[in-house]
């Protein structure tokens, strides 16, 4: 089975909807990217800022990508885009992808990220036929690590001192979930 990343699905749960990005999402995703905590937790501090035109080009081109899946995370209660969920770094021969996400301040601490992750993993394993999904989480982000463990990601190892955070070096934990694990627990191990 070859994954079809060109098809951009709409995945709906009880709290969130994952869907292709729309132009009206740009103010919300820009606000999330302007949040210092989002930038730190994603390891993006110290990187050059993306200008407004660059953000517009990036997010308006996400729906055209055939080798990755970028979806807006929409809070069903408010109808607002609160972040993104992404499958990227597609390794076709091994049916493997990387996962990354960001949830802005408007979407935190309500289980939106957990539900978004379960929806995307279900799509990745059940519809796209992926075998393995991996991610990295920084040591200063225990909230995200708890979410990843809650949906079935397993620690594989640690990239020691992988990120410079101010005057400190921070480890990155590598985690993954496999198709047969997902089939057993469906994101609720």
Protein backbone atom coordinates (compact mmCIF):
# COMPACT_ATOMS: atom_id res chain seq x y z
CA UNK A 1 0.00 0.00 0.00
CA UNK A 2 1.31 3.46 -0.90
CA UNK A 3 0.25 6.30 1.36
CA UNK A 4 -1.74 9.01 -0.41
CA UNK A 5 -0.66 12.27 1.18
CA UNK A 6 -2.14 14.24 -1.72
CA UNK A 7 -5.64 13.57 -0.32
CA UNK A 8 -6.26 15.98 2.57
CA UNK A 9 -8.95 14.49 4.80
CA UNK A 10 -11.33 16.06 7.27
CA UNK A 11 -11.19 14.11 10.55
CA UNK A 12 -13.76 14.99 13.20
CA UNK A 13 -13.84 14.00 16.85
CA UNK A 14 -15.89 15.29 19.76
CA UNK A 15 -13.58 18.23 20.56
CA UNK A 16 -11.55 18.90 17.43
CA UNK A 17 -11.65 18.70 13.71
CA UNK A 18 -8.53 18.19 11.62
CA UNK A 19 -8.89 19.66 8.16
CA UNK A 20 -6.88 21.27 5.38
CA UNK A 21 -5.71 24.80 6.08
CA UNK A 22 -7.86 27.70 4.88
CA UNK A 23 -6.83 31.34 4.39
CA UNK A 24 -8.93 32.38 7.39
CA UNK A 25 -6.71 30.18 9.63
CA UNK A 26 -3.69 32.42 9.07
CA UNK A 27 -4.37 34.92 11.89
CA UNK A 28 -4.82 32.12 14.44
CA UNK A 29 -1.81 30.08 13.32
CA UNK A 30 0.28 33.26 13.22
CA UNK A 31 -0.79 34.06 16.79
CA UNK A 32 0.19 30.54 17.87
CA UNK A 33 3.59 30.89 16.21
CA UNK A 34 4.08 34.26 17.91
CA UNK A 35 3.63 32.63 21.34
CA UNK A 36 7.01 32.31 23.10
CA UNK A 37 5.97 29.05 24.80
CA UNK A 38 5.03 27.45 21.44
CA UNK A 39 8.35 28.51 19.99
CA UNK A 40 10.30 27.13 22.96
CA UNK A 41 8.40 23.83 23.21
CA UNK A 42 8.86 23.16 19.51
CA UNK A 43 12.57 23.98 19.70
CA UNK A 44 12.14 26.94 17.35
CA UNK A 45 13.69 29.68 19.49
CA UNK A 46 16.84 31.16 18.06
CA UNK A 47 15.71 30.44 14.51
CA UNK A 48 15.10 33.33 12.16
CA UNK A 49 11.55 34.63 12.27
CA UNK A 50 9.38 33.87 9.28
CA UNK A 51 7.95 37.03 7.81
CA UNK A 52 4.22 37.41 7.28
CA UNK A 53 4.53 36.79 3.54
CA UNK A 54 6.55 33.64 4.24
CA UNK A 55 3.85 32.33 6.57
CA UNK A 56 1.16 33.01 3.98
CA UNK A 57 3.19 31.16 1.31
CA UNK A 58 3.89 28.24 3.67
CA UNK A 59 0.35 27.67 4.94
CA UNK A 60 -1.38 28.29 1.60
CA UNK A 61 0.89 25.69 -0.01
CA UNK A 62 0.28 22.91 2.57
CA UNK A 63 -2.73 21.51 0.73
CA UNK A 64 -0.67 21.03 -2.44
CA UNK A 65 1.96 18.79 -0.83
CA UNK A 66 1.88 15.14 -1.88
CA UNK A 67 4.66 13.87 0.41
CA UNK A 68 3.30 15.12 3.74
CA UNK A 69 0.06 15.85 5.54
CA UNK A 70 -0.40 19.20 7.30
CA UNK A 71 -3.80 19.70 8.93
CA UNK A 72 -5.27 22.55 10.92
CA UNK A 73 -6.46 21.64 14.43
CA UNK A 74 -9.84 23.33 14.87
CA UNK A 75 -11.51 23.67 18.27
CA UNK A 76 -15.11 22.60 17.65
CA UNK A 77 -16.35 24.69 20.59
CA UNK A 78 -15.10 27.94 19.08
CA UNK A 79 -14.63 27.04 15.41
CA UNK A 80 -11.12 28.53 15.58
CA UNK A 81 -7.85 27.04 14.36
CA UNK A 82 -5.72 26.45 17.47
CA UNK A 83 -2.75 24.68 15.91
CA UNK A 84 -1.56 22.07 13.47
CA UNK A 85 -0.90 18.34 13.28
CA UNK A 86 1.65 17.15 10.72
CA UNK A 87 2.94 13.92 9.24
CA UNK A 88 6.19 14.67 7.44
CA UNK A 89 9.57 13.17 6.55
CA UNK A 90 7.81 10.39 4.60
CA UNK A 91 10.02 7.31 4.21
CA UNK A 92 8.09 5.40 1.56
CA UNK A 93 10.07 2.11 1.49
CA UNK A 94 9.67 1.75 5.25
CA UNK A 95 6.11 3.20 5.42
CA UNK A 96 7.31 5.53 8.14
CA UNK A 97 6.71 9.19 8.99
CA UNK A 98 7.63 11.79 11.55
CA UNK A 99 4.88 13.48 13.55
CA UNK A 100 4.95 17.03 14.83
CA UNK A 101 2.35 19.32 16.29
CA UNK A 102 1.81 22.67 17.86
CA UNK A 103 -1.16 23.83 19.87
CA UNK A 104 -1.38 27.55 20.61
CA UNK A 105 -2.56 29.10 23.88
CA UNK A 106 -6.23 29.08 22.76
CA UNK A 107 -6.20 25.28 22.57
CA UNK A 108 -4.27 24.18 25.63
CA UNK A 109 -5.28 22.09 28.65
CA UNK A 110 -8.60 20.82 27.28
CA UNK A 111 -7.58 17.54 25.65
CA UNK A 112 -7.64 18.95 22.13
CA UNK A 113 -4.10 17.82 21.35
CA UNK A 114 -4.76 14.30 22.64
CA UNK A 115 -7.86 13.92 20.49
CA UNK A 116 -6.13 15.46 17.46
CA UNK A 117 -3.27 12.99 17.81
CA UNK A 118 -5.61 10.00 18.07
CA UNK A 119 -7.53 11.15 14.99
CA UNK A 120 -4.36 11.61 12.95
CA UNK A 121 -2.82 8.30 14.08
CA UNK A 122 -6.03 6.47 13.22
CA UNK A 123 -5.94 7.97 9.74
CA UNK A 124 -2.23 7.25 9.33
CA UNK A 125 -2.46 3.59 10.26
CA UNK A 126 -5.96 2.70 9.06
CA UNK A 127 -6.19 4.72 5.83
CA UNK A 128 -2.61 5.47 4.79
CA UNK A 129 -1.20 2.09 5.77
CA UNK A 130 1.77 3.46 7.69
CA UNK A 131 3.89 1.04 9.69
CA UNK A 132 5.70 3.44 12.03
CA UNK A 133 5.30 7.01 13.26
CA UNK A 134 8.03 8.69 15.26
CA UNK A 135 8.57 11.97 17.04
CA UNK A 136 10.95 13.78 19.34
CA UNK A 137 9.96 15.59 22.52
CA UNK A 138 12.26 17.87 24.50
CA UNK A 139 12.91 17.19 28.19
CA UNK A 140 11.37 20.54 29.18
CA UNK A 141 8.00 19.49 27.70
CA UNK A 142 6.63 16.82 30.07
CA UNK A 143 3.03 17.76 29.20
CA UNK A 144 3.56 16.71 25.57
CA UNK A 145 5.41 13.55 26.60
CA UNK A 146 2.46 12.51 28.80
CA UNK A 147 0.10 12.98 25.84
CA UNK A 148 2.34 10.91 23.57
CA UNK A 149 2.57 8.11 26.14
CA UNK A 150 -1.19 8.28 26.73
CA UNK A 151 -1.88 7.55 23.04
CA UNK A 152 0.68 4.74 22.81
CA UNK A 153 4.05 6.18 21.83
CA UNK A 154 6.96 4.21 23.29
CA UNK A 155 10.35 5.65 24.21
CA UNK A 156 13.12 4.42 21.92
CA UNK A 157 16.02 6.48 23.17
CA UNK A 158 17.41 9.88 23.98
CA UNK A 159 19.31 12.32 21.82
CA UNK A 160 21.50 13.79 24.54
CA UNK A 161 21.89 17.56 24.67
CA UNK A 162 20.18 17.92 21.29
CA UNK A 163 18.95 21.49 21.77
CA UNK A 164 20.44 24.66 23.17
CA UNK A 165 17.87 26.40 25.39
CA UNK A 166 19.35 29.65 26.66
CA UNK A 167 22.42 28.64 28.64
CA UNK A 168 21.35 25.00 28.99
CA UNK A 169 21.53 21.91 26.81
CA UNK A 170 18.34 19.86 26.60
CA UNK A 171 17.82 16.20 25.74
CA UNK A 172 15.29 15.07 23.13
CA UNK A 173 13.45 11.80 23.69
CA UNK A 174 12.73 9.76 20.57
CA UNK A 175 9.38 7.95 20.66
CA UNK A 176 7.40 5.87 18.18
CA UNK A 177 4.21 3.89 17.75
CA UNK A 178 3.86 0.94 15.36
CA UNK A 179 0.87 -0.22 13.34
CA UNK A 180 0.44 -3.48 15.26
CA UNK A 181 0.52 -1.58 18.58
CA UNK A 182 -2.09 0.85 17.27
CA UNK A 183 -4.26 -2.07 16.11
CA UNK A 184 -4.24 -3.45 19.66
CA UNK A 185 -4.90 -0.28 21.65
CA UNK A 186 -6.32 2.33 19.21
CA UNK A 187 -4.59 5.11 21.12
CA UNK A 188 -5.67 3.90 24.57
CA UNK A 189 -2.94 1.52 25.81
